[in-house]
Protein backbone atom coordinates (compact mmCIF):
# COMPACT_ATOMS: atom_id res chain seq x y z
CA MET A 1 0.00 0.00 0.00
CA ARG A 2 1.10 3.55 -0.70
CA TYR A 3 1.21 6.13 2.07
CA MET A 4 2.06 9.81 2.16
CA LEU A 5 4.13 10.89 5.14
CA PHE A 6 3.60 14.56 5.92
CA VAL A 7 6.70 15.66 7.82
CA CYS A 8 5.64 18.48 10.14
CA SER A 9 7.58 20.80 12.40
CA ASP A 10 6.42 21.76 15.87
CA PRO A 11 7.80 25.18 16.89
CA ASP A 12 7.39 24.45 20.61
CA ARG A 13 9.31 21.17 20.36
CA THR A 14 11.93 22.73 18.08
CA ALA A 15 12.57 25.52 20.58
CA GLU A 16 12.89 22.94 23.36
CA LEU A 17 15.38 20.86 21.37
CA GLU A 18 17.41 23.93 20.42
CA ARG A 19 18.51 23.97 24.05
CA THR A 20 20.02 20.49 23.60
CA PRO A 21 23.23 19.48 21.83
CA LEU A 22 21.30 18.32 18.72
CA SER A 23 22.25 20.70 15.91
CA ASP A 24 20.63 21.36 12.55
CA GLN A 25 23.49 19.41 11.00
CA ASP A 26 22.79 16.45 13.31
CA MET A 27 19.14 16.46 12.22
CA ALA A 28 20.16 16.71 8.57
CA ASP A 29 22.59 13.81 8.97
CA GLN A 30 19.98 11.66 10.75
CA THR A 31 17.39 12.45 8.10
CA GLU A 32 19.83 11.59 5.31
CA SER A 33 20.53 8.25 7.03
CA TRP A 34 16.77 7.57 7.22
CA VAL A 35 16.36 8.44 3.52
CA GLU A 36 19.26 6.18 2.54
CA GLU A 37 17.87 3.26 4.58
CA MET A 38 14.33 3.60 3.21
CA ASP A 39 15.62 3.99 -0.36
CA ARG A 40 17.85 0.91 0.05
CA ARG A 41 14.90 -1.11 1.39
CA GLY A 42 12.74 0.04 -1.56
CA ILE A 43 10.16 1.63 0.76
CA ARG A 44 10.64 5.31 -0.06
CA LYS A 45 9.52 6.18 -3.58
CA HIS A 46 9.92 9.96 -3.49
CA GLY A 47 10.26 12.81 -1.05
CA ASP A 48 11.41 16.37 -0.71
CA ILE A 49 11.69 19.37 1.59
CA LEU A 50 9.22 22.21 1.14
CA ARG A 51 9.88 25.93 1.34
CA PRO A 52 8.48 27.65 4.45
CA PRO A 53 4.73 28.33 4.79
CA ALA A 54 5.34 32.05 4.26
CA ASP A 55 6.22 31.19 0.65
CA ALA A 56 2.92 29.40 0.04
CA THR A 57 0.04 30.73 -2.05
CA THR A 58 -3.46 29.55 -1.22
CA VAL A 59 -5.93 29.33 -4.12
CA ARG A 60 -9.70 29.42 -3.66
CA VAL A 61 -12.41 29.82 -6.28
CA ARG A 62 -15.61 31.46 -5.04
CA ASN A 63 -18.46 32.43 -7.34
CA GLY A 64 -16.18 31.91 -10.33
CA GLU A 65 -13.53 34.29 -8.99
CA THR A 66 -10.01 33.05 -8.19
CA LEU A 67 -8.89 34.35 -4.81
CA LEU A 68 -5.23 34.19 -3.81
CA THR A 69 -3.81 34.47 -0.31
CA ASP A 70 -0.12 34.60 0.53
CA GLY A 71 1.04 32.24 3.22
CA PRO A 72 -0.42 29.03 4.64
CA PHE A 73 -4.08 28.16 4.23
CA ALA A 74 -4.65 27.64 7.96
CA GLU A 75 -3.38 29.08 11.19
CA THR A 76 -1.67 26.22 12.94
CA ARG A 77 1.49 25.79 14.98
CA GLU A 78 2.62 22.69 13.12
CA GLN A 79 3.73 23.30 9.55
CA ILE A 80 4.34 20.78 6.78
CA ALA A 81 8.09 20.87 6.18
CA GLY A 82 8.30 18.06 3.65
CA TYR A 83 6.86 14.78 2.50
CA ASP A 84 7.78 11.23 1.64
CA LEU A 85 5.83 8.81 -0.52
CA ILE A 86 6.34 5.29 0.78
CA GLU A 87 5.08 1.84 -0.13
CA CYS A 88 4.57 -0.65 2.70
CA ALA A 89 2.79 -3.94 3.26
CA ASP A 90 0.30 -2.37 5.66
CA LEU A 91 -0.37 0.47 8.08
CA ASP A 92 1.71 -1.17 10.82
CA GLU A 93 4.80 -1.13 8.62
CA ALA A 94 4.09 2.47 7.53
CA ILE A 95 3.85 3.53 11.20
CA ALA A 96 7.15 1.78 11.96
CA VAL A 97 8.80 3.60 9.03
CA ALA A 98 7.37 6.95 10.20
CA ALA A 99 8.51 6.34 13.77
CA LYS A 100 12.10 5.93 12.53
CA HIS A 101 12.03 9.35 10.81
CA PRO A 102 14.14 11.81 12.83
CA MET A 103 11.47 14.52 12.59
CA ALA A 104 9.13 12.30 14.61
CA THR A 105 11.25 13.26 17.65
CA MET A 106 10.92 17.02 17.21
CA GLY A 107 7.76 17.40 15.17
CA LEU A 108 5.27 14.89 13.87
CA ILE A 109 4.74 12.59 10.95
CA GLU A 110 1.21 12.22 9.60
CA VAL A 111 0.73 8.87 7.86
CA ARG A 112 -2.05 8.98 5.29
CA PRO A 113 -3.02 6.17 2.87
CA PHE A 114 -3.92 6.96 -0.71
CA LEU A 115 -7.62 6.76 -1.53
CA ASP A 116 -7.19 4.04 -4.15
CA GLU A 117 -5.60 1.62 -1.67
């Protein structure tokens, strides 16, 4: 089954961890190790890092008019920082893969199956 992992930051948790010895480079190295492992195992099909929410454009069509808003579509503390498309045998395996992602320790990983699965 295919799953989308939404990799989300949590500003409160990030601020807390900034007071620890874990650096941005440590997180990048851990994430790269996770990517390499999941690629080697054939689980990760694609993924990437997204630009910050301030760079987003929200599109709505109301009464035939296209309305644009700069920034994220919702006010929320957690922000989607990236994504990974994975293929696993079942939800249990997808959860195990998500739990190994380094961002699960300082943010959250939303695991969502594709509709056609």
